[in-house]
């Protein structure tokens, strides 16, 4: 019987990172960045890519939200829900470690 992995939940104190099997790579043919994982390729939009690039294992979700809000001239409350939802979805797919 396979052991079930406990679902990681995003918190503002989480310091997300990309697992070893996930990397961001530029595709010159499509002129776009791809996120590569074993047997899967994802084509994130610019904002998703910006979130992923901040997943360095040091920055907390709270600081990622603050940085994005500053860069996009938005209030942290305006980006928080989207950032948390994105990180939760990618964590559930094992593409981001929390």
C-alpha atoms as a PDB file:
ATOM      1  CA  UNK A   1       0.000   0.000   0.000  1.00  0.00           C
ATOM      2  CA  UNK A   2       1.317   3.426  -0.933  1.00  0.00           C
ATOM      3  CA  UNK A   3       1.727   5.952   1.861  1.00  0.00           C
ATOM      4  CA  UNK A   4      -0.209   9.143   1.282  1.00  0.00           C
ATOM      5  CA  UNK A   5       1.786  12.328   1.381  1.00  0.00           C
ATOM      6  CA  UNK A   6       0.400  14.882   3.782  1.00  0.00           C
ATOM      7  CA  UNK A   7      -0.712  17.930   1.848  1.00  0.00           C
ATOM      8  CA  UNK A   8       1.488  20.953   2.460  1.00  0.00           C
ATOM      9  CA  UNK A   9      -0.489  24.138   3.045  1.00  0.00           C
ATOM     10  CA  UNK A  10       0.846  27.541   2.015  1.00  0.00           C
ATOM     11  CA  UNK A  11       1.284  30.016   4.844  1.00  0.00           C
ATOM     12  CA  UNK A  12       2.737  33.516   4.822  1.00  0.00           C
ATOM     13  CA  UNK A  13       5.768  32.066   6.667  1.00  0.00           C
ATOM     14  CA  UNK A  14       6.387  29.325   4.061  1.00  0.00           C
ATOM     15  CA  UNK A  15       9.659  29.740   2.127  1.00  0.00           C
ATOM     16  CA  UNK A  16       8.869  27.994  -1.168  1.00  0.00           C
ATOM     17  CA  UNK A  17      11.535  26.564  -3.446  1.00  0.00           C
ATOM     18  CA  UNK A  18      11.671  24.555  -6.636  1.00  0.00           C
ATOM     19  CA  UNK A  19      12.412  20.855  -6.084  1.00  0.00           C
ATOM     20  CA  UNK A  20      15.576  19.422  -7.682  1.00  0.00           C
ATOM     21  CA  UNK A  21      13.539  17.813 -10.465  1.00  0.00           C
ATOM     22  CA  UNK A  22      11.965  21.133 -11.558  1.00  0.00           C
ATOM     23  CA  UNK A  23      13.772  23.815 -13.528  1.00  0.00           C
ATOM     24  CA  UNK A  24      13.001  26.921 -15.531  1.00  0.00           C
ATOM     25  CA  UNK A  25      14.493  26.954 -19.028  1.00  0.00           C
ATOM     26  CA  UNK A  26      14.196  29.336 -21.958  1.00  0.00           C
ATOM     27  CA  UNK A  27      12.882  27.809 -25.197  1.00  0.00           C
ATOM     28  CA  UNK A  28      14.338  29.788 -28.122  1.00  0.00           C
ATOM     29  CA  UNK A  29      11.871  28.263 -30.601  1.00  0.00           C
ATOM     30  CA  UNK A  30       8.801  29.480 -28.698  1.00  0.00           C
ATOM     31  CA  UNK A  31      10.680  32.471 -27.302  1.00  0.00           C
ATOM     32  CA  UNK A  32       9.211  31.689 -23.906  1.00  0.00           C
ATOM     33  CA  UNK A  33      10.266  30.209 -20.601  1.00  0.00           C
ATOM     34  CA  UNK A  34       9.183  26.673 -19.785  1.00  0.00           C
ATOM     35  CA  UNK A  35       9.039  24.946 -16.422  1.00  0.00           C
ATOM     36  CA  UNK A  36      10.397  21.443 -16.878  1.00  0.00           C
ATOM     37  CA  UNK A  37       9.703  18.488 -14.631  1.00  0.00           C
ATOM     38  CA  UNK A  38      10.013  14.797 -15.407  1.00  0.00           C
ATOM     39  CA  UNK A  39       7.647  14.002 -18.275  1.00  0.00           C
ATOM     40  CA  UNK A  40       5.885  17.380 -18.090  1.00  0.00           C
ATOM     41  CA  UNK A  41       6.424  20.848 -19.503  1.00  0.00           C
ATOM     42  CA  UNK A  42       4.507  23.892 -18.294  1.00  0.00           C
ATOM     43  CA  UNK A  43       4.330  27.280 -20.037  1.00  0.00           C
ATOM     44  CA  UNK A  44       3.715  29.784 -17.247  1.00  0.00           C
ATOM     45  CA  UNK A  45       2.634  33.335 -17.974  1.00  0.00           C
ATOM     46  CA  UNK A  46       4.878  36.250 -17.023  1.00  0.00           C
ATOM     47  CA  UNK A  47       3.423  36.720 -13.545  1.00  0.00           C
ATOM     48  CA  UNK A  48       3.562  32.996 -12.737  1.00  0.00           C
ATOM     49  CA  UNK A  49       7.186  32.967 -13.869  1.00  0.00           C
ATOM     50  CA  UNK A  50       7.871  35.974 -11.646  1.00  0.00           C
ATOM     51  CA  UNK A  51       6.423  34.100  -8.652  1.00  0.00           C
ATOM     52  CA  UNK A  52       8.443  30.958  -9.433  1.00  0.00           C
ATOM     53  CA  UNK A  53      11.692  32.898  -9.763  1.00  0.00           C
ATOM     54  CA  UNK A  54      11.181  34.201  -6.226  1.00  0.00           C
ATOM     55  CA  UNK A  55      10.840  30.649  -4.845  1.00  0.00           C
ATOM     56  CA  UNK A  56      14.430  30.475  -3.636  1.00  0.00           C
ATOM     57  CA  UNK A  57      13.872  28.687  -0.319  1.00  0.00           C
ATOM     58  CA  UNK A  58      14.824  31.887   1.535  1.00  0.00           C
ATOM     59  CA  UNK A  59      12.029  34.333   0.698  1.00  0.00           C
ATOM     60  CA  UNK A  60       8.794  33.846   2.609  1.00  0.00           C
ATOM     61  CA  UNK A  61       5.419  33.932   0.890  1.00  0.00           C
ATOM     62  CA  UNK A  62       4.796  37.216   2.715  1.00  0.00           C
ATOM     63  CA  UNK A  63       7.960  38.773   1.234  1.00  0.00           C
ATOM     64  CA  UNK A  64       7.176  37.346  -2.238  1.00  0.00           C
ATOM     65  CA  UNK A  65       3.745  39.017  -2.060  1.00  0.00           C
ATOM     66  CA  UNK A  66       5.307  42.316  -0.919  1.00  0.00           C
ATOM     67  CA  UNK A  67       7.896  42.194  -3.728  1.00  0.00           C
ATOM     68  CA  UNK A  68       5.325  41.441  -6.412  1.00  0.00           C
ATOM     69  CA  UNK A  69       3.000  44.163  -5.109  1.00  0.00           C
ATOM     70  CA  UNK A  70       5.853  46.681  -5.323  1.00  0.00           C
ATOM     71  CA  UNK A  71       6.962  45.537  -8.788  1.00  0.00           C
ATOM     72  CA  UNK A  72       3.433  45.614 -10.204  1.00  0.00           C
ATOM     73  CA  UNK A  73       2.401  48.775  -8.331  1.00  0.00           C
ATOM     74  CA  UNK A  74      -0.437  46.990  -6.537  1.00  0.00           C
ATOM     75  CA  UNK A  75      -1.477  46.611  -2.917  1.00  0.00           C
ATOM     76  CA  UNK A  76      -0.275  43.418  -1.187  1.00  0.00           C
ATOM     77  CA  UNK A  77      -3.919  42.584  -0.455  1.00  0.00           C
ATOM     78  CA  UNK A  78      -4.585  42.707  -4.212  1.00  0.00           C
ATOM     79  CA  UNK A  79      -1.997  40.043  -5.062  1.00  0.00           C
ATOM     80  CA  UNK A  80      -1.957  37.884  -1.904  1.00  0.00           C
ATOM     81  CA  UNK A  81      -4.867  35.575  -2.757  1.00  0.00           C
ATOM     82  CA  UNK A  82      -3.604  34.907  -6.297  1.00  0.00           C
ATOM     83  CA  UNK A  83      -0.037  34.229  -5.130  1.00  0.00           C
ATOM     84  CA  UNK A  84      -1.195  31.882  -2.366  1.00  0.00           C
ATOM     85  CA  UNK A  85      -3.576  30.031  -4.719  1.00  0.00           C
ATOM     86  CA  UNK A  86      -0.847  29.663  -7.362  1.00  0.00           C
ATOM     87  CA  UNK A  87       1.712  28.347  -4.861  1.00  0.00           C
ATOM     88  CA  UNK A  88      -0.848  25.958  -3.366  1.00  0.00           C
ATOM     89  CA  UNK A  89      -1.741  24.567  -6.806  1.00  0.00           C
ATOM     90  CA  UNK A  90       1.918  24.102  -7.759  1.00  0.00           C
ATOM     91  CA  UNK A  91       2.702  22.548  -4.373  1.00  0.00           C
ATOM     92  CA  UNK A  92      -0.181  20.100  -4.836  1.00  0.00           C
ATOM     93  CA  UNK A  93       1.378  19.117  -8.200  1.00  0.00           C
ATOM     94  CA  UNK A  94       4.775  18.663  -6.448  1.00  0.00           C
ATOM     95  CA  UNK A  95       6.305  21.471  -8.527  1.00  0.00           C
ATOM     96  CA  UNK A  96       6.997  23.756  -5.546  1.00  0.00           C
ATOM     97  CA  UNK A  97       8.274  22.736  -2.109  1.00  0.00           C
ATOM     98  CA  UNK A  98       6.836  24.639   0.849  1.00  0.00           C
END
